[in-house]
Amino acid sequence: MKPIVKHAVVNSLLATLYIALVSLFLSYAPSVFGPAQKDTVLVPIVMLSLLVFSVAIMGVLIFGRSAMWYLDGRKDEALSLLAHTLAIFFFIIIVALLALFILSSR
């Protein structure tokens, strides 16, 4: 496997793992922390903080190495890595959608 494809696979799998972990947290948070109280400002603060953190993590996983390579003058490799990462991540999304469709049709 080419090093660029290997980096793309790792980046895509890490992004998918991060999304799965955040989804699990959001699914189980009400049972762990109890129902949200409507008169507190903490819930929107925590949700916006999680959003900002998630955007930063996904930015690093999807664009980080490509941006560094691009700035180092390795423009062709950077664009190839970005294209491979996005293609593999899109493939993972399609597989997840198919699994969701198959499970919901039962």
Protein backbone atom coordinates (compact mmCIF):
# COMPACT_ATOMS: atom_id res chain seq x y z
CA MET A 1 0.00 0.00 0.00
CA LYS A 2 1.32 3.42 -0.93
CA PRO A 3 2.23 5.71 2.00
CA ILE A 4 -0.28 8.33 0.85
CA VAL A 5 -3.11 5.78 0.76
CA LYS A 6 -2.02 4.43 4.15
CA HIS A 7 -2.16 7.96 5.65
CA ALA A 8 -5.56 8.49 4.03
CA VAL A 9 -6.96 5.25 5.45
CA VAL A 10 -5.64 6.04 8.93
CA ASN A 11 -7.01 9.61 8.82
CA SER A 12 -10.43 8.40 7.64
CA LEU A 13 -10.64 5.63 10.21
CA LEU A 14 -9.61 7.97 13.02
CA ALA A 15 -12.23 10.49 11.90
CA THR A 16 -14.86 7.74 11.85
CA LEU A 17 -13.79 6.54 15.30
CA TYR A 18 -13.99 10.07 16.68
CA ILE A 19 -17.48 10.53 15.21
CA ALA A 20 -18.58 7.21 16.70
CA LEU A 21 -17.24 8.17 20.14
CA VAL A 22 -18.97 11.57 20.09
CA SER A 23 -22.19 9.91 18.92
CA LEU A 24 -22.02 7.38 21.74
CA PHE A 25 -21.39 10.17 24.24
CA LEU A 26 -24.38 12.15 22.95
CA SER A 27 -26.58 9.03 22.97
CA TYR A 28 -25.77 8.08 26.54
CA ALA A 29 -25.33 11.57 28.05
CA PRO A 30 -28.98 11.98 29.11
CA SER A 31 -28.95 8.67 31.01
CA VAL A 32 -25.63 9.49 32.69
CA PHE A 33 -26.16 13.17 33.47
CA GLY A 34 -29.94 13.14 33.74
CA PRO A 35 -32.39 15.29 31.79
CA ALA A 36 -31.19 18.74 30.76
CA GLN A 37 -32.38 21.58 32.93
CA LYS A 38 -33.95 24.36 30.92
CA ASP A 39 -32.79 27.19 33.16
CA THR A 40 -29.06 26.53 32.84
CA VAL A 41 -26.66 28.00 30.33
CA LEU A 42 -24.21 25.10 30.73
CA VAL A 43 -25.83 22.81 28.13
CA PRO A 44 -25.41 25.27 25.22
CA ILE A 45 -21.88 26.10 26.40
CA VAL A 46 -20.91 22.43 26.49
CA MET A 47 -22.53 21.70 23.12
CA LEU A 48 -20.85 24.67 21.40
CA SER A 49 -17.53 23.74 23.01
CA LEU A 50 -17.90 20.17 21.74
CA LEU A 51 -18.72 21.51 18.28
CA VAL A 52 -15.62 23.74 18.20
CA PHE A 53 -13.43 20.92 19.52
CA SER A 54 -14.88 18.49 16.96
CA VAL A 55 -14.28 20.90 14.07
CA ALA A 56 -10.67 21.30 15.21
CA ILE A 57 -10.13 17.53 15.50
CA MET A 58 -11.72 16.83 12.12
CA GLY A 59 -9.73 19.68 10.55
CA VAL A 60 -6.50 18.13 11.79
CA LEU A 61 -7.48 14.62 10.72
CA ILE A 62 -8.75 15.56 7.27
CA PHE A 63 -6.63 18.58 6.33
CA GLY A 64 -3.66 18.67 8.75
CA ARG A 65 -1.01 16.59 7.01
CA SER A 66 -2.16 17.78 3.58
CA ALA A 67 -1.79 21.41 4.63
CA MET A 68 1.68 20.78 6.08
CA TRP A 69 2.79 18.99 2.93
CA TYR A 70 1.34 21.74 0.74
CA LEU A 71 3.18 24.43 2.70
CA ASP A 72 6.39 22.38 2.50
CA GLY A 73 6.15 22.47 -1.30
CA ARG A 74 4.86 18.91 -1.71
CA LYS A 75 1.76 20.17 -3.50
CA ASP A 76 1.01 17.12 -5.64
CA GLU A 77 1.34 14.75 -2.68
CA ALA A 78 -0.77 17.05 -0.50
CA LEU A 79 -3.60 17.20 -3.01
CA SER A 80 -3.40 13.45 -3.57
CA LEU A 81 -3.57 12.79 0.17
CA LEU A 82 -6.54 15.11 0.56
CA ALA A 83 -8.36 13.50 -2.37
CA HIS A 84 -7.67 9.98 -1.09
CA THR A 85 -8.73 10.88 2.46
CA LEU A 86 -11.99 12.44 1.29
CA ALA A 87 -12.71 9.53 -1.06
CA ILE A 88 -12.11 6.92 1.64
CA PHE A 89 -14.14 8.91 4.17
CA PHE A 90 -16.97 9.21 1.62
CA PHE A 91 -16.81 5.43 1.09
CA ILE A 92 -17.15 4.92 4.86
CA ILE A 93 -20.18 7.23 4.87
CA ILE A 94 -21.78 5.26 2.02
CA VAL A 95 -21.19 1.97 3.87
CA ALA A 96 -22.75 3.46 7.03
CA LEU A 97 -25.76 4.70 5.05
CA LEU A 98 -26.21 1.28 3.44
CA ALA A 99 -26.00 -0.39 6.84
CA LEU A 100 -28.56 2.06 8.21
CA PHE A 101 -30.86 1.41 5.25
CA ILE A 102 -30.54 -2.37 5.58
CA LEU A 103 -31.12 -2.31 9.34
CA SER A 104 -34.11 0.03 9.06
CA SER A 105 -35.79 -2.11 6.41
CA ARG A 106 -35.94 -5.18 8.64
